[in-house]
PDB file of all heavy atoms in Angstrom:
ATOM      1  N   LEU A   1       0.858  -1.184   0.000  1.00  0.00           N
ATOM      2  CA  LEU A   1       0.000   0.000   0.000  1.00  0.00           C
ATOM      3  C   LEU A   1       0.890   1.228   0.000  1.00  0.00           C
ATOM      4  O   LEU A   1       1.621   1.477   0.949  1.00  0.00           O
ATOM      5  CB  LEU A   1      -0.920  -0.008   1.227  1.00  0.00           C
ATOM      6  CG  LEU A   1      -1.936  -1.146   1.266  1.00  0.00           C
ATOM      7  CD1 LEU A   1      -2.738  -1.090   2.560  1.00  0.00           C
ATOM      8  CD2 LEU A   1      -2.856  -1.086   0.063  1.00  0.00           C
ATOM      9  N   ARG A   2       0.839   1.950  -1.076  1.00  0.00           N
ATOM     10  CA  ARG A   2       1.729   3.100  -1.278  1.00  0.00           C
ATOM     11  C   ARG A   2       0.951   4.394  -1.130  1.00  0.00           C
ATOM     12  O   ARG A   2       0.619   5.045  -2.096  1.00  0.00           O
ATOM     13  CB  ARG A   2       2.383   3.003  -2.652  1.00  0.00           C
ATOM     14  CG  ARG A   2       3.195   1.741  -2.813  1.00  0.00           C
ATOM     15  CD  ARG A   2       3.806   1.648  -4.171  1.00  0.00           C
ATOM     16  NE  ARG A   2       4.816   2.692  -4.299  1.00  0.00           N
ATOM     17  CZ  ARG A   2       5.310   3.076  -5.465  1.00  0.00           C
ATOM     18  NH1 ARG A   2       4.895   2.539  -6.584  1.00  0.00           N
ATOM     19  NH2 ARG A   2       6.226   4.016  -5.507  1.00  0.00           N
ATOM     20  N   ASP A   3       0.678   4.757   0.080  1.00  0.00           N
ATOM     21  CA  ASP A   3      -0.035   6.001   0.360  1.00  0.00           C
ATOM     22  C   ASP A   3       0.989   7.129   0.373  1.00  0.00           C
ATOM     23  O   ASP A   3       1.392   7.630   1.408  1.00  0.00           O
ATOM     24  CB  ASP A   3      -0.753   5.895   1.699  1.00  0.00           C
ATOM     25  CG  ASP A   3      -1.620   7.104   1.958  1.00  0.00           C
ATOM     26  OD1 ASP A   3      -1.941   7.822   0.998  1.00  0.00           O
ATOM     27  OD2 ASP A   3      -1.976   7.329   3.126  1.00  0.00           O
ATOM     28  N   ALA A   4       1.454   7.474  -0.828  1.00  0.00           N
ATOM     29  CA  ALA A   4       2.515   8.475  -0.947  1.00  0.00           C
ATOM     30  C   ALA A   4       2.370   9.196  -2.274  1.00  0.00           C
ATOM     31  O   ALA A   4       1.743   8.719  -3.191  1.00  0.00           O
ATOM     32  CB  ALA A   4       3.876   7.795  -0.874  1.00  0.00           C
ATOM     33  N   ALA A   5       2.956  10.349  -2.340  1.00  0.00           N
ATOM     34  CA  ALA A   5       2.998  11.097  -3.597  1.00  0.00           C
ATOM     35  C   ALA A   5       4.434  11.131  -4.080  1.00  0.00           C
ATOM     36  O   ALA A   5       5.362  11.223  -3.288  1.00  0.00           O
ATOM     37  CB  ALA A   5       2.473  12.510  -3.392  1.00  0.00           C
ATOM     38  N   SER A   6       4.616  11.039  -5.372  1.00  0.00           N
ATOM     39  CA  SER A   6       5.949  11.059  -5.960  1.00  0.00           C
ATOM     40  C   SER A   6       6.253  12.438  -6.518  1.00  0.00           C
ATOM     41  O   SER A   6       5.416  13.039  -7.179  1.00  0.00           O
ATOM     42  CB  SER A   6       6.043  10.033  -7.091  1.00  0.00           C
ATOM     43  OG  SER A   6       5.916   8.734  -6.576  1.00  0.00           O
ATOM     44  N   ALA A   7       7.461  12.876  -6.264  1.00  0.00           N
ATOM     45  CA  ALA A   7       7.896  14.144  -6.841  1.00  0.00           C
ATOM     46  C   ALA A   7       8.186  13.931  -8.316  1.00  0.00           C
ATOM     47  O   ALA A   7       8.607  12.855  -8.717  1.00  0.00           O
ATOM     48  CB  ALA A   7       9.147  14.622  -6.125  1.00  0.00           C
ATOM     49  N   PRO A   8       7.965  14.925  -9.160  1.00  0.00           N
ATOM     50  CA  PRO A   8       8.243  14.761 -10.586  1.00  0.00           C
ATOM     51  C   PRO A   8       9.739  14.626 -10.851  1.00  0.00           C
ATOM     52  O   PRO A   8      10.558  15.217 -10.144  1.00  0.00           O
ATOM     53  CB  PRO A   8       7.683  16.038 -11.201  1.00  0.00           C
ATOM     54  CG  PRO A   8       7.634  17.022 -10.090  1.00  0.00           C
ATOM     55  CD  PRO A   8       7.428  16.241  -8.838  1.00  0.00           C
ATOM     56  N   VAL A   9      10.094  13.842 -11.855  1.00  0.00           N
ATOM     57  CA  VAL A   9      11.489  13.685 -12.240  1.00  0.00           C
ATOM     58  C   VAL A   9      11.985  14.965 -12.902  1.00  0.00           C
ATOM     59  O   VAL A   9      13.085  15.429 -12.656  1.00  0.00           O
ATOM     60  CB  VAL A   9      11.649  12.472 -13.191  1.00  0.00           C
ATOM     61  CG1 VAL A   9      13.079  12.365 -13.682  1.00  0.00           C
ATOM     62  CG2 VAL A   9      11.235  11.188 -12.495  1.00  0.00           C
ATOM     63  N   ILE A  10      11.164  15.542 -13.750  1.00  0.00           N
ATOM     64  CA  ILE A  10      11.511  16.795 -14.436  1.00  0.00           C
ATOM     65  C   ILE A  10      10.730  17.925 -13.767  1.00  0.00           C
ATOM     66  O   ILE A  10       9.507  17.841 -13.640  1.00  0.00           O
ATOM     67  CB  ILE A  10      11.151  16.712 -15.937  1.00  0.00           C
ATOM     68  CG1 ILE A  10      11.901  15.550 -16.587  1.00  0.00           C
ATOM     69  CG2 ILE A  10      11.438  18.021 -16.636  1.00  0.00           C
ATOM     70  CD1 ILE A  10      11.456  15.238 -17.993  1.00  0.00           C
ATOM     71  N   PRO A  11      11.416  18.957 -13.296  1.00  0.00           N
ATOM     72  CA  PRO A  11      10.705  20.075 -12.660  1.00  0.00           C
ATOM     73  C   PRO A  11       9.611  20.624 -13.578  1.00  0.00           C
ATOM     74  O   PRO A  11       9.802  20.763 -14.778  1.00  0.00           O
ATOM     75  CB  PRO A  11      11.806  21.106 -12.422  1.00  0.00           C
ATOM     76  CG  PRO A  11      13.076  20.310 -12.387  1.00  0.00           C
ATOM     77  CD  PRO A  11      12.859  19.168 -13.337  1.00  0.00           C
ATOM     78  N   GLY A  12       8.463  20.880 -12.989  1.00  0.00           N
ATOM     79  CA  GLY A  12       7.341  21.405 -13.757  1.00  0.00           C
ATOM     80  C   GLY A  12       6.327  20.335 -14.124  1.00  0.00           C
ATOM     81  O   GLY A  12       5.190  20.639 -14.453  1.00  0.00           O
ATOM     82  N   ASP A  13       6.734  19.037 -14.096  1.00  0.00           N
ATOM     83  CA  ASP A  13       5.764  17.955 -14.344  1.00  0.00           C
ATOM     84  C   ASP A  13       4.835  17.827 -13.145  1.00  0.00           C
ATOM     85  O   ASP A  13       5.206  18.164 -12.024  1.00  0.00           O
ATOM     86  CB  ASP A  13       6.492  16.621 -14.560  1.00  0.00           C
ATOM     87  CG  ASP A  13       7.110  16.517 -15.950  1.00  0.00           C
ATOM     88  OD1 ASP A  13       6.852  17.425 -16.777  1.00  0.00           O
ATOM     89  OD2 ASP A  13       7.830  15.547 -16.200  1.00  0.00           O
ATOM     90  N   PRO A  14       3.633  17.316 -13.366  1.00  0.00           N
ATOM     91  CA  PRO A  14       2.702  17.177 -12.245  1.00  0.00           C
ATOM     92  C   PRO A  14       3.160  16.097 -11.260  1.00  0.00           C
ATOM     93  O   PRO A  14       3.868  15.159 -11.617  1.00  0.00           O
ATOM     94  CB  PRO A  14       1.391  16.763 -12.926  1.00  0.00           C
ATOM     95  CG  PRO A  14       1.812  16.157 -14.213  1.00  0.00           C
ATOM     96  CD  PRO A  14       3.067  16.862 -14.627  1.00  0.00           C
ATOM     97  N   ILE A  15       2.754  16.254 -10.006  1.00  0.00           N
ATOM     98  CA  ILE A  15       3.045  15.252  -8.986  1.00  0.00           C
ATOM     99  C   ILE A  15       2.176  14.026  -9.255  1.00  0.00           C
ATOM    100  O   ILE A  15       0.983  14.141  -9.523  1.00  0.00           O
ATOM    101  CB  ILE A  15       2.775  15.808  -7.581  1.00  0.00           C
ATOM    102  CG1 ILE A  15       3.791  16.928  -7.276  1.00  0.00           C
ATOM    103  CG2 ILE A  15       2.843  14.717  -6.528  1.00  0.00           C
ATOM    104  CD1 ILE A  15       3.550  17.622  -5.964  1.00  0.00           C
ATOM    105  N   GLU A  16       2.776  12.843  -9.188  1.00  0.00           N
ATOM    106  CA  GLU A  16       2.066  11.600  -9.458  1.00  0.00           C
ATOM    107  C   GLU A  16       1.715  10.905  -8.152  1.00  0.00           C
ATOM    108  O   GLU A  16       2.494  10.922  -7.202  1.00  0.00           O
ATOM    109  CB  GLU A  16       2.927  10.669 -10.305  1.00  0.00           C
ATOM    110  CG  GLU A  16       3.294  11.258 -11.646  1.00  0.00           C
ATOM    111  CD  GLU A  16       4.249  10.357 -12.409  1.00  0.00           C
ATOM    112  OE1 GLU A  16       4.371   9.177 -12.056  1.00  0.00           O
ATOM    113  OE2 GLU A  16       4.866  10.848 -13.355  1.00  0.00           O
ATOM    114  N   THR A  17       0.553  10.301  -8.119  1.00  0.00           N
ATOM    115  CA  THR A  17       0.157   9.512  -6.963  1.00  0.00           C
ATOM    116  C   THR A  17       0.664   8.097  -7.152  1.00  0.00           C
ATOM    117  O   THR A  17       0.458   7.495  -8.201  1.00  0.00           O
ATOM    118  CB  THR A  17      -1.374   9.495  -6.818  1.00  0.00           C
ATOM    119  OG1 THR A  17      -1.828  10.840  -6.697  1.00  0.00           O
ATOM    120  CG2 THR A  17      -1.791   8.705  -5.592  1.00  0.00           C
ATOM    121  N   ALA A  18       1.325   7.573  -6.141  1.00  0.00           N
ATOM    122  CA  ALA A  18       1.848   6.213  -6.219  1.00  0.00           C
ATOM    123  C   ALA A  18       0.683   5.227  -6.117  1.00  0.00           C
ATOM    124  O   ALA A  18      -0.191   5.367  -5.272  1.00  0.00           O
ATOM    125  CB  ALA A  18       2.841   5.976  -5.097  1.00  0.00           C
ATOM    126  N   GLU A  19       0.688   4.244  -7.006  1.00  0.00           N
ATOM    127  CA  GLU A  19      -0.387   3.247  -6.995  1.00  0.00           C
ATOM    128  C   GLU A  19       0.008   2.057  -6.148  1.00  0.00           C
ATOM    129  O   GLU A  19       1.183   1.739  -5.989  1.00  0.00           O
ATOM    130  CB  GLU A  19      -0.676   2.794  -8.426  1.00  0.00           C
ATOM    131  CG  GLU A  19      -1.255   3.897  -9.285  1.00  0.00           C
ATOM    132  CD  GLU A  19      -1.711   3.397 -10.637  1.00  0.00           C
ATOM    133  OE1 GLU A  19      -1.971   2.187 -10.759  1.00  0.00           O
ATOM    134  OE2 GLU A  19      -1.794   4.209 -11.540  1.00  0.00           O
ATOM    135  N   ASP A  20      -1.001   1.372  -5.605  1.00  0.00           N
ATOM    136  CA  ASP A  20      -0.760   0.176  -4.818  1.00  0.00           C
ATOM    137  C   ASP A  20      -0.249  -0.942  -5.715  1.00  0.00           C
ATOM    138  O   ASP A  20      -0.531  -0.987  -6.909  1.00  0.00           O
ATOM    139  CB  ASP A  20      -2.040  -0.276  -4.110  1.00  0.00           C
ATOM    140  CG  ASP A  20      -2.509   0.734  -3.080  1.00  0.00           C
ATOM    141  OD1 ASP A  20      -1.673   1.506  -2.590  1.00  0.00           O
ATOM    142  OD2 ASP A  20      -3.709   0.742  -2.766  1.00  0.00           O
ATOM    143  N   TYR A  21       0.500  -1.846  -5.121  1.00  0.00           N
ATOM    144  CA  TYR A  21       1.106  -2.974  -5.825  1.00  0.00           C
ATOM    145  C   TYR A  21       0.402  -4.235  -5.341  1.00  0.00           C
ATOM    146  O   TYR A  21       0.295  -4.473  -4.133  1.00  0.00           O
ATOM    147  CB  TYR A  21       2.589  -3.013  -5.454  1.00  0.00           C
ATOM    148  CG  TYR A  21       3.380  -4.171  -5.994  1.00  0.00           C
ATOM    149  CD1 TYR A  21       4.242  -4.005  -7.058  1.00  0.00           C
ATOM    150  CD2 TYR A  21       3.313  -5.433  -5.407  1.00  0.00           C
ATOM    151  CE1 TYR A  21       5.008  -5.053  -7.543  1.00  0.00           C
ATOM    152  CE2 TYR A  21       4.068  -6.486  -5.880  1.00  0.00           C
ATOM    153  CZ  TYR A  21       4.913  -6.293  -6.948  1.00  0.00           C
ATOM    154  OH  TYR A  21       5.671  -7.326  -7.409  1.00  0.00           O
ATOM    155  N   PHE A  22      -0.106  -5.039  -6.260  1.00  0.00           N
ATOM    156  CA  PHE A  22      -0.715  -6.322  -5.893  1.00  0.00           C
ATOM    157  C   PHE A  22      -0.301  -7.357  -6.927  1.00  0.00           C
ATOM    158  O   PHE A  22      -0.468  -7.156  -8.127  1.00  0.00           O
ATOM    159  CB  PHE A  22      -2.241  -6.227  -5.843  1.00  0.00           C
ATOM    160  CG  PHE A  22      -2.878  -7.531  -5.448  1.00  0.00           C
ATOM    161  CD1 PHE A  22      -2.819  -7.972  -4.144  1.00  0.00           C
ATOM    162  CD2 PHE A  22      -3.498  -8.317  -6.396  1.00  0.00           C
ATOM    163  CE1 PHE A  22      -3.384  -9.189  -3.783  1.00  0.00           C
ATOM    164  CE2 PHE A  22      -4.070  -9.528  -6.048  1.00  0.00           C
ATOM    165  CZ  PHE A  22      -4.014  -9.960  -4.735  1.00  0.00           C
ATOM    166  N   ARG A  23       0.268  -8.463  -6.440  1.00  0.00           N
ATOM    167  CA  ARG A  23       0.745  -9.509  -7.335  1.00  0.00           C
ATOM    168  C   ARG A  23       0.441 -10.871  -6.739  1.00  0.00           C
ATOM    169  O   ARG A  23       0.557 -11.078  -5.539  1.00  0.00           O
ATOM    170  CB  ARG A  23       2.244  -9.362  -7.533  1.00  0.00           C
ATOM    171  CG  ARG A  23       2.832 -10.375  -8.476  1.00  0.00           C
ATOM    172  CD  ARG A  23       4.269 -10.050  -8.732  1.00  0.00           C
ATOM    173  NE  ARG A  23       5.085 -11.224  -8.491  1.00  0.00           N
ATOM    174  CZ  ARG A  23       6.375 -11.283  -8.730  1.00  0.00           C
ATOM    175  NH1 ARG A  23       7.010 -10.245  -9.193  1.00  0.00           N
ATOM    176  NH2 ARG A  23       7.038 -12.369  -8.488  1.00  0.00           N
ATOM    177  N   THR A  24       0.037 -11.803  -7.600  1.00  0.00           N
ATOM    178  CA  THR A  24      -0.243 -13.174  -7.195  1.00  0.00           C
ATOM    179  C   THR A  24       0.679 -14.111  -7.962  1.00  0.00           C
ATOM    180  O   THR A  24       0.775 -14.017  -9.186  1.00  0.00           O
ATOM    181  CB  THR A  24      -1.716 -13.547  -7.488  1.00  0.00           C
ATOM    182  OG1 THR A  24      -2.564 -12.644  -6.777  1.00  0.00           O
ATOM    183  CG2 THR A  24      -2.013 -14.968  -7.072  1.00  0.00           C
ATOM    184  N   ASP A  25       1.358 -14.991  -7.229  1.00  0.00           N
ATOM    185  CA  ASP A  25       2.215 -16.014  -7.826  1.00  0.00           C
ATOM    186  C   ASP A  25       1.636 -17.387  -7.476  1.00  0.00           C
ATOM    187  O   ASP A  25       1.155 -17.594  -6.364  1.00  0.00           O
ATOM    188  CB  ASP A  25       3.647 -15.920  -7.290  1.00  0.00           C
ATOM    189  CG  ASP A  25       4.318 -14.599  -7.624  1.00  0.00           C
ATOM    190  OD1 ASP A  25       3.900 -13.948  -8.606  1.00  0.00           O
ATOM    191  OD2 ASP A  25       5.255 -14.219  -6.913  1.00  0.00           O
ATOM    192  N   LEU A  26       1.714 -18.313  -8.425  1.00  0.00           N
ATOM    193  CA  LEU A  26       1.174 -19.661  -8.244  1.00  0.00           C
ATOM    194  C   LEU A  26       2.267 -20.674  -8.570  1.00  0.00           C
ATOM    195  O   LEU A  26       2.929 -20.568  -9.603  1.00  0.00           O
ATOM    196  CB  LEU A  26      -0.031 -19.871  -9.167  1.00  0.00           C
ATOM    197  CG  LEU A  26      -0.655 -21.259  -9.178  1.00  0.00           C
ATOM    198  CD1 LEU A  26      -1.358 -21.531  -7.856  1.00  0.00           C
ATOM    199  CD2 LEU A  26      -1.638 -21.373 -10.327  1.00  0.00           C
ATOM    200  N   GLU A  27       2.451 -21.645  -7.688  1.00  0.00           N
ATOM    201  CA  GLU A  27       3.455 -22.691  -7.896  1.00  0.00           C
ATOM    202  C   GLU A  27       2.805 -24.066  -7.766  1.00  0.00           C
ATOM    203  O   GLU A  27       2.109 -24.338  -6.794  1.00  0.00           O
ATOM    204  CB  GLU A  27       4.579 -22.572  -6.874  1.00  0.00           C
ATOM    205  CG  GLU A  27       5.612 -23.664  -6.998  1.00  0.00           C
ATOM    206  CD  GLU A  27       6.730 -23.543  -5.981  1.00  0.00           C
ATOM    207  OE1 GLU A  27       7.054 -22.411  -5.586  1.00  0.00           O
ATOM    208  OE2 GLU A  27       7.270 -24.584  -5.586  1.00  0.00           O
ATOM    209  N   LEU A  28       3.042 -24.908  -8.751  1.00  0.00           N
ATOM    210  CA  LEU A  28       2.569 -26.289  -8.735  1.00  0.00           C
ATOM    211  C   LEU A  28       3.798 -27.186  -8.785  1.00  0.00           C
ATOM    212  O   LEU A  28       4.665 -27.010  -9.637  1.00  0.00           O
ATOM    213  CB  LEU A  28       1.670 -26.559  -9.941  1.00  0.00           C
ATOM    214  CG  LEU A  28       1.084 -27.966 -10.048  1.00  0.00           C
ATOM    215  CD1 LEU A  28       0.144 -28.249  -8.883  1.00  0.00           C
ATOM    216  CD2 LEU A  28       0.360 -28.133 -11.370  1.00  0.00           C
ATOM    217  N   ALA A  29       3.888 -28.124  -7.840  1.00  0.00           N
ATOM    218  CA  ALA A  29       5.058 -29.004  -7.770  1.00  0.00           C
ATOM    219  C   ALA A  29       4.614 -30.463  -7.838  1.00  0.00           C
ATOM    220  O   ALA A  29       3.594 -30.849  -7.263  1.00  0.00           O
ATOM    221  CB  ALA A  29       5.833 -28.750  -6.485  1.00  0.00           C
ATOM    222  N   TRP A  30       5.408 -31.247  -8.553  1.00  0.00           N
ATOM    223  CA  TRP A  30       5.184 -32.691  -8.681  1.00  0.00           C
ATOM    224  C   TRP A  30       6.493 -33.390  -8.365  1.00  0.00           C
ATOM    225  O   TRP A  30       7.534 -33.066  -8.939  1.00  0.00           O
ATOM    226  CB  TRP A  30       4.706 -33.034 -10.092  1.00  0.00           C
ATOM    227  CG  TRP A  30       4.548 -34.500 -10.337  1.00  0.00           C
ATOM    228  CD1 TRP A  30       3.764 -35.366  -9.630  1.00  0.00           C
ATOM    229  CD2 TRP A  30       5.153 -35.268 -11.373  1.00  0.00           C
ATOM    230  NE1 TRP A  30       3.853 -36.626 -10.154  1.00  0.00           N
ATOM    231  CE2 TRP A  30       4.707 -36.600 -11.233  1.00  0.00           C
ATOM    232  CE3 TRP A  30       6.041 -34.955 -12.389  1.00  0.00           C
ATOM    233  CZ2 TRP A  30       5.119 -37.615 -12.083  1.00  0.00           C
ATOM    234  CZ3 TRP A  30       6.443 -35.979 -13.237  1.00  0.00           C
ATOM    235  CH2 TRP A  30       5.979 -37.290 -13.084  1.00  0.00           C
ATOM    236  N   SER A  31       6.418 -34.339  -7.448  1.00  0.00           N
ATOM    237  CA  SER A  31       7.611 -35.068  -7.023  1.00  0.00           C
ATOM    238  C   SER A  31       7.348 -36.572  -7.159  1.00  0.00           C
ATOM    239  O   SER A  31       6.858 -37.207  -6.227  1.00  0.00           O
ATOM    240  CB  SER A  31       7.940 -34.708  -5.568  1.00  0.00           C
ATOM    241  OG  SER A  31       9.083 -35.388  -5.138  1.00  0.00           O
ATOM    242  N   PRO A  32       7.677 -37.149  -8.325  1.00  0.00           N
ATOM    243  CA  PRO A  32       7.412 -38.571  -8.526  1.00  0.00           C
ATOM    244  C   PRO A  32       8.285 -39.476  -7.656  1.00  0.00           C
ATOM    245  O   PRO A  32       7.897 -40.584  -7.339  1.00  0.00           O
ATOM    246  CB  PRO A  32       7.700 -38.791 -10.005  1.00  0.00           C
ATOM    247  CG  PRO A  32       8.626 -37.692 -10.388  1.00  0.00           C
ATOM    248  CD  PRO A  32       8.290 -36.538  -9.491  1.00  0.00           C
ATOM    249  N   THR A  33       9.475 -38.976  -7.263  1.00  0.00           N
ATOM    250  CA  THR A  33      10.362 -39.711  -6.351  1.00  0.00           C
ATOM    251  C   THR A  33      10.931 -38.720  -5.341  1.00  0.00           C
ATOM    252  O   THR A  33      10.805 -37.502  -5.505  1.00  0.00           O
ATOM    253  CB  THR A  33      11.540 -40.372  -7.108  1.00  0.00           C
ATOM    254  OG1 THR A  33      12.406 -39.345  -7.586  1.00  0.00           O
ATOM    255  CG2 THR A  33      11.056 -41.228  -8.270  1.00  0.00           C
ATOM    256  N   ASP A  34      11.580 -39.234  -4.308  1.00  0.00           N
ATOM    257  CA  ASP A  34      12.182 -38.350  -3.306  1.00  0.00           C
ATOM    258  C   ASP A  34      13.333 -37.531  -3.897  1.00  0.00           C
ATOM    259  O   ASP A  34      13.656 -36.456  -3.398  1.00  0.00           O
ATOM    260  CB  ASP A  34      12.697 -39.164  -2.117  1.00  0.00           C
ATOM    261  CG  ASP A  34      11.562 -39.738  -1.280  1.00  0.00           C
ATOM    262  OD1 ASP A  34      10.429 -39.220  -1.393  1.00  0.00           O
ATOM    263  OD2 ASP A  34      11.809 -40.702  -0.525  1.00  0.00           O
ATOM    264  N   ALA A  35      13.950 -38.020  -4.946  1.00  0.00           N
ATOM    265  CA  ALA A  35      15.114 -37.352  -5.531  1.00  0.00           C
ATOM    266  C   ALA A  35      14.767 -36.377  -6.654  1.00  0.00           C
ATOM    267  O   ALA A  35      15.624 -35.626  -7.102  1.00  0.00           O
ATOM    268  CB  ALA A  35      16.090 -38.403  -6.057  1.00  0.00           C
ATOM    269  N   LEU A  36      13.523 -36.361  -7.112  1.00  0.00           N
ATOM    270  CA  LEU A  36      13.144 -35.547  -8.267  1.00  0.00           C
ATOM    271  C   LEU A  36      11.926 -34.688  -7.946  1.00  0.00           C
ATOM    272  O   LEU A  36      10.906 -35.183  -7.479  1.00  0.00           O
ATOM    273  CB  LEU A  36      12.834 -36.439  -9.466  1.00  0.00           C
ATOM    274  CG  LEU A  36      12.417 -35.731 -10.751  1.00  0.00           C
ATOM    275  CD1 LEU A  36      13.572 -34.912 -11.307  1.00  0.00           C
ATOM    276  CD2 LEU A  36      11.937 -36.748 -11.765  1.00  0.00           C
ATOM    277  N   ILE A  37      12.057 -33.388  -8.200  1.00  0.00           N
ATOM    278  CA  ILE A  37      10.934 -32.450  -8.028  1.00  0.00           C
ATOM    279  C   ILE A  37      10.837 -31.598  -9.280  1.00  0.00           C
ATOM    280  O   ILE A  37      11.834 -31.037  -9.735  1.00  0.00           O
ATOM    281  CB  ILE A  37      11.129 -31.532  -6.806  1.00  0.00           C
ATOM    282  CG1 ILE A  37      11.309 -32.341  -5.523  1.00  0.00           C
ATOM    283  CG2 ILE A  37       9.950 -30.575  -6.662  1.00  0.00           C
ATOM    284  CD1 ILE A  37      11.701 -31.504  -4.317  1.00  0.00           C
ATOM    285  N   THR A  38       9.655 -31.499  -9.841  1.00  0.00           N
ATOM    286  CA  THR A  38       9.419 -30.594 -10.970  1.00  0.00           C
ATOM    287  C   THR A  38       8.465 -29.499 -10.496  1.00  0.00           C
ATOM    288  O   THR A  38       7.555 -29.745  -9.709  1.00  0.00           O
ATOM    289  CB  THR A  38       8.808 -31.333 -12.177  1.00  0.00           C
ATOM    290  OG1 THR A  38       7.568 -31.908 -11.772  1.00  0.00           O
ATOM    291  CG2 THR A  38       9.729 -32.422 -12.668  1.00  0.00           C
ATOM    292  N   ARG A  39       8.700 -28.284 -10.978  1.00  0.00           N
ATOM    293  CA  ARG A  39       7.875 -27.142 -10.573  1.00  0.00           C
ATOM    294  C   ARG A  39       7.464 -26.321 -11.791  1.00  0.00           C
ATOM    295  O   ARG A  39       8.252 -26.142 -12.712  1.00  0.00           O
ATOM    296  CB  ARG A  39       8.646 -26.226  -9.626  1.00  0.00           C
ATOM    297  CG  ARG A  39       9.085 -26.862  -8.349  1.00  0.00           C
ATOM    298  CD  ARG A  39       9.830 -25.853  -7.469  1.00  0.00           C
ATOM    299  NE  ARG A  39      10.537 -26.506  -6.403  1.00  0.00           N
ATOM    300  CZ  ARG A  39       9.995 -26.915  -5.276  1.00  0.00           C
ATOM    301  NH1 ARG A  39       8.711 -26.734  -5.069  1.00  0.00           N
ATOM    302  NH2 ARG A  39      10.722 -27.509  -4.352  1.00  0.00           N
ATOM    303  N   ALA A  40       6.250 -25.822 -11.726  1.00  0.00           N
ATOM    304  CA  ALA A  40       5.759 -24.827 -12.681  1.00  0.00           C
ATOM    305  C   ALA A  40       5.328 -23.626 -11.844  1.00  0.00           C
ATOM    306  O   ALA A  40       4.496 -23.758 -10.948  1.00  0.00           O
ATOM    307  CB  ALA A  40       4.605 -25.361 -13.502  1.00  0.00           C
ATOM    308  N   ILE A  41       5.930 -22.469 -12.128  1.00  0.00           N
ATOM    309  CA  ILE A  41       5.645 -21.268 -11.349  1.00  0.00           C
ATOM    310  C   ILE A  41       5.137 -20.180 -12.289  1.00  0.00           C
ATOM    311  O   ILE A  41       5.815 -19.834 -13.259  1.00  0.00           O
ATOM    312  CB  ILE A  41       6.908 -20.780 -10.612  1.00  0.00           C
ATOM    313  CG1 ILE A  41       7.486 -21.904  -9.750  1.00  0.00           C
ATOM    314  CG2 ILE A  41       6.600 -19.552  -9.769  1.00  0.00           C
ATOM    315  CD1 ILE A  41       8.906 -21.666  -9.303  1.00  0.00           C
ATOM    316  N   VAL A  42       3.952 -19.676 -12.005  1.00  0.00           N
ATOM    317  CA  VAL A  42       3.388 -18.558 -12.773  1.00  0.00           C
ATOM    318  C   VAL A  42       3.493 -17.326 -11.889  1.00  0.00           C
ATOM    319  O   VAL A  42       2.890 -17.270 -10.819  1.00  0.00           O
ATOM    320  CB  VAL A  42       1.919 -18.812 -13.176  1.00  0.00           C
ATOM    321  CG1 VAL A  42       1.386 -17.628 -13.973  1.00  0.00           C
ATOM    322  CG2 VAL A  42       1.776 -20.103 -13.948  1.00  0.00           C
ATOM    323  N   ARG A  43       4.292 -16.378 -12.333  1.00  0.00           N
ATOM    324  CA  ARG A  43       4.457 -15.129 -11.586  1.00  0.00           C
ATOM    325  C   ARG A  43       3.555 -14.055 -12.191  1.00  0.00           C
ATOM    326  O   ARG A  43       3.392 -13.994 -13.392  1.00  0.00           O
ATOM    327  CB  ARG A  43       5.916 -14.689 -11.627  1.00  0.00           C
ATOM    328  CG  ARG A  43       6.802 -15.617 -10.813  1.00  0.00           C
ATOM    329  CD  ARG A  43       8.219 -15.087 -10.696  1.00  0.00           C
ATOM    330  NE  ARG A  43       8.997 -15.855  -9.756  1.00  0.00           N
ATOM    331  CZ  ARG A  43       9.554 -17.034 -10.017  1.00  0.00           C
ATOM    332  NH1 ARG A  43       9.412 -17.581 -11.202  1.00  0.00           N
ATOM    333  NH2 ARG A  43      10.238 -17.675  -9.088  1.00  0.00           N
ATOM    334  N   ASN A  44       2.997 -13.234 -11.314  1.00  0.00           N
ATOM    335  CA  ASN A  44       2.067 -12.177 -11.722  1.00  0.00           C
ATOM    336  C   ASN A  44       0.911 -12.798 -12.509  1.00  0.00           C
ATOM    337  O   ASN A  44       0.646 -12.436 -13.658  1.00  0.00           O
ATOM    338  CB  ASN A  44       2.786 -11.086 -12.520  1.00  0.00           C
ATOM    339  CG  ASN A  44       1.992  -9.796 -12.578  1.00  0.00           C
ATOM    340  OD1 ASN A  44       0.882  -9.702 -12.050  1.00  0.00           O
ATOM    341  ND2 ASN A  44       2.557  -8.800 -13.229  1.00  0.00           N
ATOM    342  N   LEU A  45       0.251 -13.729 -11.877  1.00  0.00           N
ATOM    343  CA  LEU A  45      -0.795 -14.544 -12.490  1.00  0.00           C
ATOM    344  C   LEU A  45      -1.852 -13.730 -13.237  1.00  0.00           C
ATOM    345  O   LEU A  45      -2.313 -14.133 -14.295  1.00  0.00           O
ATOM    346  CB  LEU A  45      -1.462 -15.406 -11.407  1.00  0.00           C
ATOM    347  CG  LEU A  45      -2.544 -16.373 -11.832  1.00  0.00           C
ATOM    348  CD1 LEU A  45      -1.977 -17.448 -12.751  1.00  0.00           C
ATOM    349  CD2 LEU A  45      -3.186 -17.011 -10.604  1.00  0.00           C
TER     350      LEU A  45
END
């Protein structure tokens, strides 16, 4: 939650409101044996 205002990079530009960040990651793992693990990871679902 970014309850903040950002100063402009170039003087004279308008002040920007920082937006909230929300991200969901999903991981599915399959381990057919104790020695082997496979994973599929979807970031920013």
